[in-house]
Amino acid sequence: MIFRNSLVILFSICSFLLSCKGQNTKNKLHLADSNLKVGQIWKYKNRTGEDSSTVTILKIEKYEKGDTIIHIRVDNIKIYSPQSATGFSNVVDHLPYSKNALLKSITKLVGQTNDLPDFSEGYNLWKEAWDSGAAGYWTTDLKEAIDGVDKNSRSQK
């Protein structure tokens, strides 16, 4: 009986230590991933059917109140777009995003580019509204933000 109880305790301790090791590895990965740079291309926790979708980091800005806003582009998605001949767009050219929220959504660095697409129109509109206090940035899961953009586009019919 004592031997059996000792085995149960030993197994519990080993399980606990293994789970702690996994958490430390995860935290180290998270800290390494927090070193975001302009031009990086990331996979993320995407919406169903958009497995080839990626996020490109366009600009990184740190503001006085301590917020870091990452401006991103999302490719290979399906968003309603009445301006498009097909009725859909496969890209969101500009999304201002919370660094912390983005870190929770991205999963794997898949590339780097020095050839960034022009996002100045969307950024300049956002920046003007931001400076006047009329704009914000996304702090939710990225796939929820994409759903939000899609739903907003549909409501503008």
Protein backbone atom coordinates (compact mmCIF):
# COMPACT_ATOMS: atom_id res chain seq x y z
CA MET A 1 0.00 0.00 0.00
CA ILE A 2 2.83 2.41 0.87
CA PHE A 3 4.58 1.49 -2.38
CA ARG A 4 1.40 2.22 -4.37
CA ASN A 5 0.88 5.59 -2.66
CA SER A 6 4.53 6.47 -3.31
CA LEU A 7 4.09 5.68 -7.01
CA VAL A 8 0.96 7.85 -7.18
CA ILE A 9 2.79 10.75 -5.50
CA LEU A 10 5.84 10.30 -7.75
CA PHE A 11 3.62 10.21 -10.85
CA SER A 12 1.80 13.37 -9.69
CA ILE A 13 5.07 15.20 -9.10
CA CYS A 14 6.42 14.14 -12.52
CA SER A 15 3.19 15.24 -14.21
CA PHE A 16 3.35 18.58 -12.46
CA LEU A 17 6.99 19.14 -13.43
CA LEU A 18 6.32 18.18 -17.05
CA SER A 19 3.39 20.59 -17.23
CA CYS A 20 5.57 23.35 -15.75
CA LYS A 21 8.25 22.64 -18.32
CA GLY A 22 5.66 22.93 -21.11
CA GLN A 23 4.45 26.24 -19.73
CA ASN A 24 8.00 27.61 -19.55
CA THR A 25 8.67 26.55 -23.14
CA LYS A 26 5.44 28.21 -24.24
CA ASN A 27 6.34 31.41 -22.38
CA LYS A 28 9.80 31.46 -23.96
CA LEU A 29 8.25 31.03 -27.41
CA HIS A 30 5.77 33.81 -26.67
CA LEU A 31 8.59 36.15 -25.60
CA ALA A 32 10.59 35.30 -28.71
CA ASP A 33 7.54 35.96 -30.87
CA SER A 34 7.04 39.36 -29.23
CA ASN A 35 10.02 40.64 -31.21
CA LEU A 36 7.82 41.74 -34.09
CA LYS A 37 9.40 43.55 -37.04
CA VAL A 38 8.09 45.40 -40.07
CA GLY A 39 7.96 43.11 -43.11
CA GLN A 40 7.41 39.88 -41.17
CA ILE A 41 4.77 37.53 -42.58
CA TRP A 42 2.93 35.35 -40.08
CA LYS A 43 0.39 32.53 -40.06
CA TYR A 44 -2.35 33.06 -37.50
CA LYS A 45 -5.39 31.36 -35.98
CA ASN A 46 -7.46 31.86 -39.11
CA ARG A 47 -11.11 31.48 -39.97
CA THR A 48 -12.35 28.17 -41.35
CA GLY A 49 -11.41 27.73 -45.01
CA GLU A 50 -8.70 30.40 -44.95
CA ASP A 51 -5.72 28.20 -44.08
CA SER A 52 -3.44 29.96 -46.60
CA SER A 53 -4.16 33.36 -45.05
CA THR A 54 -1.24 35.38 -43.71
CA VAL A 55 -0.59 38.62 -41.83
CA THR A 56 2.10 41.08 -42.91
CA ILE A 57 3.41 43.65 -40.43
CA LEU A 58 3.36 47.05 -42.13
CA LYS A 59 4.22 49.52 -39.36
CA ILE A 60 4.83 49.51 -35.60
CA GLU A 61 3.99 52.55 -33.46
CA LYS A 62 4.34 53.02 -29.72
CA TYR A 63 2.13 55.70 -28.22
CA GLU A 64 2.47 57.83 -25.09
CA LYS A 65 -0.06 55.92 -23.07
CA GLY A 66 2.04 52.78 -23.50
CA ASP A 67 0.07 51.16 -26.29
CA THR A 68 1.95 49.59 -29.17
CA ILE A 69 -0.11 49.50 -32.33
CA ILE A 70 0.89 47.10 -35.08
CA HIS A 71 -0.46 48.00 -38.50
CA ILE A 72 -1.10 44.84 -40.49
CA ARG A 73 -2.32 43.57 -43.83
CA VAL A 74 -4.25 40.29 -44.08
CA ASP A 75 -4.04 38.27 -47.32
CA ASN A 76 -5.86 35.24 -48.73
CA ILE A 77 -9.21 35.78 -47.02
CA LYS A 78 -12.75 36.21 -48.33
CA ILE A 79 -14.33 39.53 -47.39
CA TYR A 80 -17.50 40.94 -48.89
CA SER A 81 -16.64 43.89 -51.15
CA PRO A 82 -19.33 45.51 -53.30
CA GLN A 83 -16.61 47.45 -55.19
CA SER A 84 -15.05 44.23 -56.46
CA ALA A 85 -16.30 42.66 -59.71
CA THR A 86 -16.68 39.31 -57.92
CA GLY A 87 -18.33 40.86 -54.85
CA PHE A 88 -15.46 39.75 -52.63
CA SER A 89 -11.94 40.86 -51.78
CA ASN A 90 -9.11 38.58 -50.73
CA VAL A 91 -7.26 41.21 -48.68
CA VAL A 92 -7.65 43.70 -45.87
CA ASP A 93 -5.09 46.37 -46.73
CA HIS A 94 -4.81 47.95 -43.29
CA LEU A 95 -5.82 47.01 -39.76
CA PRO A 96 -4.46 48.82 -36.71
CA TYR A 97 -3.93 46.15 -34.08
CA SER A 98 -2.95 45.84 -30.43
CA LYS A 99 0.46 44.19 -30.14
CA ASN A 100 -0.74 41.99 -27.27
CA ALA A 101 -3.84 40.87 -29.17
CA LEU A 102 -1.81 40.16 -32.30
CA LEU A 103 0.66 38.07 -30.30
CA LYS A 104 -2.24 35.90 -29.14
CA SER A 105 -3.38 35.35 -32.74
CA ILE A 106 -0.16 34.73 -34.68
CA THR A 107 1.21 31.21 -34.75
CA LYS A 108 4.25 30.89 -37.01
CA LEU A 109 6.66 33.22 -38.78
CA VAL A 110 6.63 32.17 -42.45
CA GLY A 111 8.51 34.93 -44.23
CA GLN A 112 9.97 38.40 -44.44
CA THR A 113 9.56 41.03 -47.14
CA ASN A 114 11.17 44.37 -47.85
CA ASP A 115 8.59 45.06 -50.57
CA LEU A 116 5.65 46.30 -48.50
CA PRO A 117 2.39 47.11 -50.27
CA ASP A 118 1.22 50.72 -50.23
CA PHE A 119 -1.09 51.09 -47.24
CA SER A 120 -0.82 54.87 -46.97
CA GLU A 121 -4.44 55.60 -47.89
CA GLY A 122 -5.91 53.43 -45.14
CA TYR A 123 -3.22 54.41 -42.64
CA ASN A 124 -3.60 58.15 -43.31
CA LEU A 125 -7.38 57.98 -42.88
CA TRP A 126 -6.93 56.07 -39.63
CA LYS A 127 -4.17 58.38 -38.36
CA GLU A 128 -6.23 61.51 -38.98
CA ALA A 129 -9.16 59.99 -37.10
CA TRP A 130 -6.81 58.70 -34.35
CA ASP A 131 -5.29 62.15 -33.84
CA SER A 132 -8.77 63.66 -33.48
CA GLY A 133 -9.83 60.95 -31.02
CA ALA A 134 -12.28 59.32 -33.43
CA ALA A 135 -10.43 56.06 -34.16
CA GLY A 136 -9.17 53.10 -32.22
CA TYR A 137 -7.48 49.80 -32.88
CA TRP A 138 -8.39 46.14 -32.70
CA THR A 139 -7.84 44.33 -29.40
CA THR A 140 -9.75 41.13 -30.10
CA ASP A 141 -8.77 37.84 -31.72
CA LEU A 142 -7.72 38.42 -35.35
CA LYS A 143 -10.29 36.07 -36.84
CA GLU A 144 -13.01 37.94 -34.90
CA ALA A 145 -11.68 41.23 -36.28
CA ILE A 146 -11.82 39.85 -39.83
CA ASP A 147 -15.39 38.69 -39.19
CA GLY A 148 -16.16 42.21 -37.94
CA VAL A 149 -14.72 43.81 -41.08
CA ASP A 150 -16.70 41.37 -43.23
CA LYS A 151 -19.97 42.03 -41.37
CA ASN A 152 -19.40 45.79 -41.50
CA SER A 153 -18.84 45.57 -45.28
CA ARG A 154 -22.08 43.65 -45.68
CA SER A 155 -24.02 46.19 -43.64
CA GLN A 156 -22.80 48.99 -45.95
CA LYS A 157 -24.77 47.57 -48.92
